Amino acid sequence: MDGIVLLREDHKTVEKLFKEFERAGEDAHRRKREIADEVIKELTAHAWIEERIFYPAAREAAPDTKDHVLESVEEHHAVLWMLSELVDFDPEDERFDAKMTVLMENVRHHVEEEEKEWFPDVRKALGRNRLQELGEEMERERKNAPANPLDVPSADE
C-alpha cells in the first residue's frame, strides 16, 4: 500500500473512534474507556511509523517540508503526553471527557495540516514506487510499535 494512503487510512480509523466517543453519551464510561484504549494504541503506532519511516523519507525527498516535519514531531510530542495521561485515567473522572476532547482537537488539527499542506508535496517528491516501498516498510514497522506512548521518540524531545 502507498505510504500516504496508509497514513490516511490510519487518520480515518482514528476519526471513526473519535466520532464514536462523541456519540457515546455522558454515562457510557466503560465504552469510552475502551475507545480511549483503542485510540491510544492506534495513535501510538501511527506516530511510531511516521517518525521512524515516513518523516525521514519525506525530509530527504522534499527538503522544503522540513518545517512541516519538525512541527509535526512537536505535535506528536504533545499528543503522546496526552495519550500517556489517558492510559490509566478513570473514565468516571469529570475531566476524562475534557482530556479526550483536547486530544481530539489536537489530532484533528495535525491530520488536517498533514493531509492538506504537505502530503501533496511529499507525494510529488517521492513518487509512486517509493511510496509503495514506504507503505510496506511502515506496515512491517507497525508490529514494533511500543504499547506505551512515551516510548515513541518524540515524547522525549
N, C-alpha and C. Protein backbone atom coordinates (compact mmCIF):
# COMPACT_ATOMS: atom_id res chain seq x y z
N MET A 1 0.84 -1.20 0.00
CA MET A 1 0.00 0.00 0.00
C MET A 1 0.88 1.25 0.00
N ASP A 2 0.47 2.23 -0.72
CA ASP A 2 1.11 3.54 -0.78
C ASP A 2 1.20 4.12 0.65
N GLY A 3 2.38 4.62 1.01
CA GLY A 3 2.59 5.13 2.37
C GLY A 3 1.65 6.24 2.78
N ILE A 4 1.34 7.15 1.88
CA ILE A 4 0.42 8.23 2.23
C ILE A 4 -1.00 7.69 2.37
N VAL A 5 -1.37 6.75 1.52
CA VAL A 5 -2.69 6.12 1.65
C VAL A 5 -2.79 5.41 3.00
N LEU A 6 -1.73 4.72 3.39
CA LEU A 6 -1.72 4.03 4.69
C LEU A 6 -1.93 5.02 5.82
N LEU A 7 -1.23 6.14 5.79
CA LEU A 7 -1.37 7.15 6.84
C LEU A 7 -2.78 7.74 6.85
N ARG A 8 -3.34 7.98 5.67
CA ARG A 8 -4.71 8.50 5.59
C ARG A 8 -5.71 7.48 6.14
N GLU A 9 -5.47 6.21 5.90
CA GLU A 9 -6.34 5.17 6.45
C GLU A 9 -6.28 5.18 7.98
N ASP A 10 -5.08 5.35 8.51
CA ASP A 10 -4.93 5.48 9.96
C ASP A 10 -5.73 6.68 10.47
N HIS A 11 -5.63 7.79 9.76
CA HIS A 11 -6.37 9.00 10.15
C HIS A 11 -7.88 8.72 10.18
N LYS A 12 -8.38 8.01 9.17
CA LYS A 12 -9.81 7.68 9.11
C LYS A 12 -10.21 6.77 10.27
N THR A 13 -9.37 5.80 10.58
CA THR A 13 -9.65 4.88 11.69
C THR A 13 -9.80 5.65 12.99
N VAL A 14 -8.87 6.56 13.24
CA VAL A 14 -8.90 7.34 14.48
C VAL A 14 -10.10 8.29 14.49
N GLU A 15 -10.41 8.89 13.36
CA GLU A 15 -11.57 9.79 13.30
C GLU A 15 -12.86 9.03 13.61
N LYS A 16 -12.97 7.80 13.12
CA LYS A 16 -14.16 6.98 13.44
C LYS A 16 -14.26 6.73 14.95
N LEU A 17 -13.13 6.46 15.57
CA LEU A 17 -13.11 6.27 17.02
C LEU A 17 -13.52 7.55 17.74
N PHE A 18 -13.02 8.69 17.27
CA PHE A 18 -13.40 9.96 17.87
C PHE A 18 -14.90 10.19 17.78
N LYS A 19 -15.46 9.93 16.62
CA LYS A 19 -16.91 10.13 16.44
C LYS A 19 -17.70 9.19 17.34
N GLU A 20 -17.21 7.97 17.47
CA GLU A 20 -17.87 7.01 18.36
C GLU A 20 -17.82 7.51 19.80
N PHE A 21 -16.68 8.05 20.20
CA PHE A 21 -16.54 8.60 21.55
C PHE A 21 -17.53 9.74 21.75
N GLU A 22 -17.62 10.63 20.76
CA GLU A 22 -18.52 11.78 20.88
C GLU A 22 -19.99 11.36 20.96
N ARG A 23 -20.33 10.26 20.31
CA ARG A 23 -21.72 9.77 20.32
C ARG A 23 -22.05 8.90 21.53
N ALA A 24 -21.04 8.50 22.27
CA ALA A 24 -21.23 7.50 23.34
C ALA A 24 -22.16 7.97 24.46
N GLY A 25 -22.24 9.25 24.70
CA GLY A 25 -23.10 9.73 25.78
C GLY A 25 -22.34 9.87 27.08
N GLU A 26 -22.89 10.68 27.96
CA GLU A 26 -22.21 11.02 29.21
C GLU A 26 -21.97 9.84 30.14
N ASP A 27 -22.88 8.89 30.16
CA ASP A 27 -22.78 7.80 31.14
C ASP A 27 -22.17 6.52 30.59
N ALA A 28 -21.60 6.57 29.41
CA ALA A 28 -21.03 5.37 28.78
C ALA A 28 -19.56 5.21 29.16
N HIS A 29 -19.29 5.21 30.46
CA HIS A 29 -17.89 5.23 30.94
C HIS A 29 -17.08 4.03 30.46
N ARG A 30 -17.64 2.85 30.53
CA ARG A 30 -16.88 1.66 30.13
C ARG A 30 -16.56 1.71 28.63
N ARG A 31 -17.56 2.08 27.83
CA ARG A 31 -17.34 2.15 26.38
C ARG A 31 -16.33 3.23 26.04
N LYS A 32 -16.40 4.37 26.73
CA LYS A 32 -15.44 5.44 26.49
C LYS A 32 -14.02 5.00 26.84
N ARG A 33 -13.88 4.20 27.91
CA ARG A 33 -12.57 3.68 28.28
C ARG A 33 -12.03 2.78 27.17
N GLU A 34 -12.89 1.91 26.63
CA GLU A 34 -12.50 1.02 25.54
C GLU A 34 -12.06 1.82 24.31
N ILE A 35 -12.82 2.84 23.98
CA ILE A 35 -12.49 3.68 22.82
C ILE A 35 -11.16 4.39 23.07
N ALA A 36 -10.99 4.95 24.26
CA ALA A 36 -9.74 5.65 24.58
C ALA A 36 -8.55 4.70 24.46
N ASP A 37 -8.71 3.47 24.94
CA ASP A 37 -7.62 2.49 24.84
C ASP A 37 -7.28 2.19 23.38
N GLU A 38 -8.29 2.09 22.54
CA GLU A 38 -8.07 1.84 21.12
C GLU A 38 -7.39 3.05 20.47
N VAL A 39 -7.81 4.25 20.84
CA VAL A 39 -7.18 5.48 20.33
C VAL A 39 -5.71 5.52 20.73
N ILE A 40 -5.42 5.19 21.97
CA ILE A 40 -4.04 5.18 22.45
C ILE A 40 -3.20 4.23 21.61
N LYS A 41 -3.70 3.03 21.40
CA LYS A 41 -2.98 2.02 20.60
C LYS A 41 -2.76 2.50 19.17
N GLU A 42 -3.82 2.99 18.55
CA GLU A 42 -3.74 3.43 17.14
C GLU A 42 -2.79 4.61 16.97
N LEU A 43 -2.93 5.62 17.80
CA LEU A 43 -2.11 6.83 17.64
C LEU A 43 -0.65 6.59 18.00
N THR A 44 -0.40 5.73 18.97
CA THR A 44 0.98 5.41 19.33
C THR A 44 1.67 4.72 18.16
N ALA A 45 1.01 3.74 17.56
CA ALA A 45 1.58 3.03 16.42
C ALA A 45 1.75 3.97 15.22
N HIS A 46 0.76 4.82 15.02
CA HIS A 46 0.81 5.76 13.90
C HIS A 46 2.00 6.72 14.05
N ALA A 47 2.15 7.31 15.23
CA ALA A 47 3.27 8.22 15.47
C ALA A 47 4.61 7.49 15.29
N TRP A 48 4.66 6.25 15.75
CA TRP A 48 5.88 5.45 15.65
C TRP A 48 6.31 5.28 14.19
N ILE A 49 5.38 4.85 13.34
CA ILE A 49 5.75 4.59 11.94
C ILE A 49 6.02 5.88 11.17
N GLU A 50 5.32 6.94 11.54
CA GLU A 50 5.61 8.22 10.88
C GLU A 50 7.03 8.67 11.22
N GLU A 51 7.37 8.62 12.50
CA GLU A 51 8.67 9.13 12.93
C GLU A 51 9.83 8.25 12.50
N ARG A 52 9.63 6.96 12.49
CA ARG A 52 10.71 6.03 12.15
C ARG A 52 10.93 5.92 10.64
N ILE A 53 9.85 6.02 9.86
CA ILE A 53 9.95 5.73 8.43
C ILE A 53 9.56 6.93 7.56
N PHE A 54 8.34 7.42 7.76
CA PHE A 54 7.80 8.39 6.82
C PHE A 54 8.46 9.76 6.90
N TYR A 55 8.59 10.31 8.09
CA TYR A 55 9.16 11.66 8.21
C TYR A 55 10.59 11.74 7.68
N PRO A 56 11.47 10.78 8.03
CA PRO A 56 12.82 10.86 7.46
C PRO A 56 12.82 10.79 5.93
N ALA A 57 11.97 9.94 5.37
CA ALA A 57 11.90 9.83 3.90
C ALA A 57 11.36 11.11 3.29
N ALA A 58 10.37 11.72 3.94
CA ALA A 58 9.79 12.96 3.44
C ALA A 58 10.83 14.08 3.45
N ARG A 59 11.56 14.17 4.54
CA ARG A 59 12.59 15.23 4.64
C ARG A 59 13.68 15.06 3.60
N GLU A 60 14.05 13.82 3.36
CA GLU A 60 15.11 13.55 2.39
C GLU A 60 14.65 13.88 0.97
N ALA A 61 13.44 13.45 0.63
CA ALA A 61 12.95 13.63 -0.74
C ALA A 61 12.46 15.05 -1.02
N ALA A 62 11.91 15.68 0.00
CA ALA A 62 11.34 17.02 -0.17
C ALA A 62 11.85 17.92 0.95
N PRO A 63 13.09 18.43 0.81
CA PRO A 63 13.68 19.25 1.86
C PRO A 63 12.81 20.45 2.27
N ASP A 64 11.98 20.93 1.36
CA ASP A 64 11.10 22.05 1.69
C ASP A 64 10.08 21.71 2.76
N THR A 65 9.88 20.41 3.03
CA THR A 65 8.90 20.00 4.04
C THR A 65 9.51 19.96 5.45
N LYS A 66 10.77 20.32 5.57
CA LYS A 66 11.46 20.24 6.86
C LYS A 66 10.67 20.90 7.99
N ASP A 67 10.19 22.11 7.78
CA ASP A 67 9.45 22.81 8.83
C ASP A 67 8.15 22.09 9.18
N HIS A 68 7.48 21.54 8.16
CA HIS A 68 6.25 20.77 8.42
C HIS A 68 6.56 19.54 9.27
N VAL A 69 7.64 18.86 8.92
CA VAL A 69 8.02 17.66 9.67
C VAL A 69 8.35 18.02 11.11
N LEU A 70 9.13 19.06 11.30
CA LEU A 70 9.50 19.47 12.65
C LEU A 70 8.27 19.86 13.48
N GLU A 71 7.35 20.58 12.86
CA GLU A 71 6.11 20.93 13.56
C GLU A 71 5.31 19.68 13.89
N SER A 72 5.25 18.75 12.98
CA SER A 72 4.51 17.51 13.21
C SER A 72 5.10 16.72 14.38
N VAL A 73 6.41 16.68 14.46
CA VAL A 73 7.06 15.98 15.57
C VAL A 73 6.70 16.66 16.90
N GLU A 74 6.66 17.99 16.91
CA GLU A 74 6.26 18.70 18.13
C GLU A 74 4.79 18.41 18.48
N GLU A 75 3.95 18.33 17.46
CA GLU A 75 2.55 17.98 17.71
C GLU A 75 2.45 16.55 18.25
N HIS A 76 3.26 15.65 17.72
CA HIS A 76 3.31 14.28 18.26
C HIS A 76 3.67 14.31 19.74
N HIS A 77 4.68 15.12 20.07
CA HIS A 77 5.12 15.22 21.46
C HIS A 77 3.93 15.53 22.38
N ALA A 78 3.17 16.55 22.02
CA ALA A 78 2.01 16.94 22.85
C ALA A 78 0.96 15.83 22.89
N VAL A 79 0.67 15.24 21.75
CA VAL A 79 -0.35 14.18 21.69
C VAL A 79 0.09 12.96 22.49
N LEU A 80 1.34 12.57 22.37
CA LEU A 80 1.81 11.38 23.09
C LEU A 80 1.72 11.57 24.61
N TRP A 81 2.01 12.78 25.08
CA TRP A 81 1.87 13.04 26.52
C TRP A 81 0.41 13.01 26.94
N MET A 82 -0.47 13.53 26.09
CA MET A 82 -1.90 13.44 26.39
C MET A 82 -2.34 11.97 26.44
N LEU A 83 -1.87 11.20 25.49
CA LEU A 83 -2.20 9.77 25.47
C LEU A 83 -1.71 9.09 26.74
N SER A 84 -0.50 9.44 27.16
CA SER A 84 0.06 8.80 28.37
C SER A 84 -0.78 9.14 29.60
N GLU A 85 -1.34 10.33 29.64
CA GLU A 85 -2.21 10.71 30.76
C GLU A 85 -3.51 9.93 30.74
N LEU A 86 -3.97 9.58 29.55
CA LEU A 86 -5.23 8.84 29.42
C LEU A 86 -5.10 7.36 29.73
N VAL A 87 -3.87 6.82 29.70
CA VAL A 87 -3.68 5.38 29.85
C VAL A 87 -4.42 4.82 31.06
N ASP A 88 -4.20 5.34 32.22
CA ASP A 88 -4.85 4.81 33.43
C ASP A 88 -5.85 5.79 34.03
N PHE A 89 -6.28 6.75 33.24
CA PHE A 89 -7.19 7.78 33.75
C PHE A 89 -8.60 7.20 33.90
N ASP A 90 -9.20 7.44 35.03
CA ASP A 90 -10.53 6.91 35.33
C ASP A 90 -11.57 7.58 34.43
N PRO A 91 -12.30 6.78 33.63
CA PRO A 91 -13.30 7.36 32.73
C PRO A 91 -14.48 8.01 33.47
N GLU A 92 -14.58 7.77 34.76
CA GLU A 92 -15.65 8.40 35.54
C GLU A 92 -15.19 9.73 36.14
N ASP A 93 -13.91 10.03 36.01
CA ASP A 93 -13.40 11.32 36.47
C ASP A 93 -14.04 12.41 35.60
N GLU A 94 -14.42 13.50 36.22
CA GLU A 94 -15.10 14.57 35.48
C GLU A 94 -14.24 15.18 34.38
N ARG A 95 -12.92 14.98 34.44
CA ARG A 95 -12.02 15.55 33.43
C ARG A 95 -11.73 14.61 32.26
N PHE A 96 -12.19 13.37 32.33
CA PHE A 96 -11.88 12.38 31.29
C PHE A 96 -12.36 12.86 29.92
N ASP A 97 -13.62 13.25 29.82
CA ASP A 97 -14.15 13.71 28.53
C ASP A 97 -13.41 14.95 28.04
N ALA A 98 -13.06 15.84 28.95
CA ALA A 98 -12.34 17.06 28.57
C ALA A 98 -10.96 16.70 28.01
N LYS A 99 -10.27 15.76 28.64
CA LYS A 99 -8.96 15.34 28.14
C LYS A 99 -9.08 14.74 26.75
N MET A 100 -10.10 13.91 26.55
CA MET A 100 -10.30 13.32 25.22
C MET A 100 -10.65 14.39 24.19
N THR A 101 -11.43 15.37 24.58
CA THR A 101 -11.81 16.44 23.66
C THR A 101 -10.58 17.24 23.21
N VAL A 102 -9.71 17.57 24.14
CA VAL A 102 -8.50 18.30 23.80
C VAL A 102 -7.60 17.45 22.91
N LEU A 103 -7.50 16.17 23.21
CA LEU A 103 -6.73 15.26 22.36
C LEU A 103 -7.30 15.26 20.94
N MET A 104 -8.61 15.11 20.83
CA MET A 104 -9.25 15.07 19.52
C MET A 104 -9.00 16.35 18.73
N GLU A 105 -9.09 17.49 19.39
CA GLU A 105 -8.84 18.76 18.72
C GLU A 105 -7.41 18.83 18.18
N ASN A 106 -6.45 18.39 19.00
CA ASN A 106 -5.04 18.41 18.59
C ASN A 106 -4.79 17.47 17.41
N VAL A 107 -5.35 16.27 17.49
CA VAL A 107 -5.13 15.30 16.42
C VAL A 107 -5.80 15.76 15.13
N ARG A 108 -7.01 16.27 15.23
CA ARG A 108 -7.70 16.75 14.02
C ARG A 108 -6.92 17.87 13.34
N HIS A 109 -6.36 18.76 14.12
CA HIS A 109 -5.53 19.85 13.57
C HIS A 109 -4.30 19.26 12.86
N HIS A 110 -3.65 18.33 13.52
CA HIS A 110 -2.45 17.69 12.97
C HIS A 110 -2.77 16.99 11.65
N VAL A 111 -3.85 16.24 11.62
CA VAL A 111 -4.26 15.50 10.42
C VAL A 111 -4.55 16.46 9.27
N GLU A 112 -5.28 17.52 9.57
CA GLU A 112 -5.62 18.48 8.52
C GLU A 112 -4.37 19.10 7.91
N GLU A 113 -3.43 19.49 8.74
CA GLU A 113 -2.19 20.07 8.23
C GLU A 113 -1.42 19.07 7.37
N GLU A 114 -1.29 17.85 7.87
CA GLU A 114 -0.55 16.85 7.10
C GLU A 114 -1.20 16.61 5.74
N GLU A 115 -2.49 16.34 5.77
CA GLU A 115 -3.17 15.94 4.54
C GLU A 115 -3.29 17.07 3.52
N LYS A 116 -3.52 18.28 3.99
CA LYS A 116 -3.75 19.38 3.05
C LYS A 116 -2.49 20.14 2.70
N GLU A 117 -1.61 20.34 3.69
CA GLU A 117 -0.49 21.24 3.47
C GLU A 117 0.78 20.57 2.97
N TRP A 118 1.02 19.31 3.38
CA TRP A 118 2.31 18.79 2.91
C TRP A 118 2.30 17.40 2.32
N PHE A 119 1.28 16.60 2.50
CA PHE A 119 1.24 15.30 1.82
C PHE A 119 1.32 15.46 0.29
N PRO A 120 0.63 16.45 -0.30
CA PRO A 120 0.74 16.58 -1.76
C PRO A 120 2.18 16.82 -2.24
N ASP A 121 2.93 17.64 -1.51
CA ASP A 121 4.33 17.90 -1.88
C ASP A 121 5.18 16.64 -1.72
N VAL A 122 4.92 15.90 -0.64
CA VAL A 122 5.68 14.68 -0.40
C VAL A 122 5.36 13.64 -1.47
N ARG A 123 4.08 13.53 -1.84
CA ARG A 123 3.67 12.58 -2.89
C ARG A 123 4.42 12.87 -4.18
N LYS A 124 4.47 14.15 -4.53
CA LYS A 124 5.14 14.56 -5.77
C LYS A 124 6.64 14.23 -5.71
N ALA A 125 7.25 14.51 -4.56
CA ALA A 125 8.69 14.32 -4.41
C ALA A 125 9.08 12.84 -4.37
N LEU A 126 8.26 12.01 -3.73
CA LEU A 126 8.62 10.60 -3.55
C LEU A 126 8.25 9.73 -4.74
N GLY A 127 7.11 10.00 -5.34
CA GLY A 127 6.67 9.17 -6.47
C GLY A 127 6.03 7.86 -6.02
N ARG A 128 5.33 7.24 -6.95
CA ARG A 128 4.53 6.05 -6.65
C ARG A 128 5.35 4.87 -6.13
N ASN A 129 6.45 4.56 -6.77
CA ASN A 129 7.23 3.38 -6.36
C ASN A 129 7.81 3.53 -4.95
N ARG A 130 8.37 4.69 -4.68
CA ARG A 130 8.95 4.91 -3.34
C ARG A 130 7.85 4.92 -2.28
N LEU A 131 6.69 5.47 -2.59
CA LEU A 131 5.58 5.47 -1.63
C LEU A 131 5.09 4.05 -1.37
N GLN A 132 5.13 3.20 -2.39
CA GLN A 132 4.78 1.78 -2.21
C GLN A 132 5.76 1.12 -1.25
N GLU A 133 7.04 1.37 -1.47
CA GLU A 133 8.08 0.80 -0.60
C GLU A 133 7.89 1.27 0.84
N LEU A 134 7.65 2.57 0.99
CA LEU A 134 7.46 3.13 2.34
C LEU A 134 6.24 2.52 3.01
N GLY A 135 5.16 2.34 2.26
CA GLY A 135 3.95 1.75 2.82
C GLY A 135 4.21 0.36 3.36
N GLU A 136 4.95 -0.44 2.58
CA GLU A 136 5.28 -1.80 3.02
C GLU A 136 6.18 -1.76 4.24
N GLU A 137 7.14 -0.85 4.23
CA GLU A 137 8.05 -0.70 5.37
C GLU A 137 7.28 -0.29 6.63
N MET A 138 6.36 0.66 6.48
CA MET A 138 5.59 1.12 7.64
C MET A 138 4.69 0.01 8.18
N GLU A 139 4.11 -0.79 7.28
CA GLU A 139 3.26 -1.91 7.71
C GLU A 139 4.08 -2.88 8.56
N ARG A 140 5.30 -3.17 8.11
CA ARG A 140 6.17 -4.08 8.89
C ARG A 140 6.56 -3.45 10.22
N GLU A 141 6.90 -2.16 10.18
CA GLU A 141 7.37 -1.47 11.39
C GLU A 141 6.27 -1.31 12.43
N ARG A 142 5.03 -1.28 12.00
CA ARG A 142 3.91 -1.12 12.93
C ARG A 142 3.94 -2.22 14.01
N LYS A 143 4.41 -3.39 13.63
CA LYS A 143 4.48 -4.52 14.58
C LYS A 143 5.46 -4.24 15.72
N ASN A 144 6.40 -3.33 15.48
CA ASN A 144 7.40 -2.99 16.50
C ASN A 144 7.01 -1.79 17.36
N ALA A 145 5.86 -1.23 17.08
CA ALA A 145 5.44 -0.03 17.83
C ALA A 145 5.27 -0.37 19.31
N PRO A 146 5.69 0.53 20.17
CA PRO A 146 5.55 0.29 21.61
C PRO A 146 4.09 0.43 22.06
N ALA A 147 3.77 -0.16 23.17
CA ALA A 147 2.44 -0.01 23.75
C ALA A 147 2.35 1.33 24.49
N ASN A 148 3.46 1.75 25.07
CA ASN A 148 3.49 2.98 25.86
C ASN A 148 3.77 4.18 24.95
N PRO A 149 2.86 5.15 24.93
CA PRO A 149 3.08 6.34 24.08
C PRO A 149 4.39 7.05 24.38
N LEU A 150 4.86 6.99 25.61
CA LEU A 150 6.09 7.70 25.97
C LEU A 150 7.35 7.01 25.46
N ASP A 151 7.19 5.83 24.84
CA ASP A 151 8.32 5.15 24.23
C ASP A 151 8.54 5.56 22.77
N VAL A 152 7.66 6.40 22.24
CA VAL A 152 7.85 6.94 20.89
C VAL A 152 8.88 8.07 21.02
N PRO A 153 9.86 8.13 20.12
CA PRO A 153 10.96 9.09 20.29
C PRO A 153 10.55 10.54 20.56
N SER A 154 9.55 11.05 19.87
CA SER A 154 9.20 12.47 20.05
C SER A 154 8.64 12.78 21.43
N ALA A 155 8.24 11.78 22.18
CA ALA A 155 7.74 12.02 23.54
C ALA A 155 8.85 12.56 24.43
N ASP A 156 10.09 12.22 24.11
CA ASP A 156 11.25 12.65 24.93
C ASP A 156 11.77 14.02 24.54
N GLU A 157 11.48 14.42 23.32
CA GLU A 157 12.12 15.63 22.81
C GLU A 157 11.48 16.90 23.31
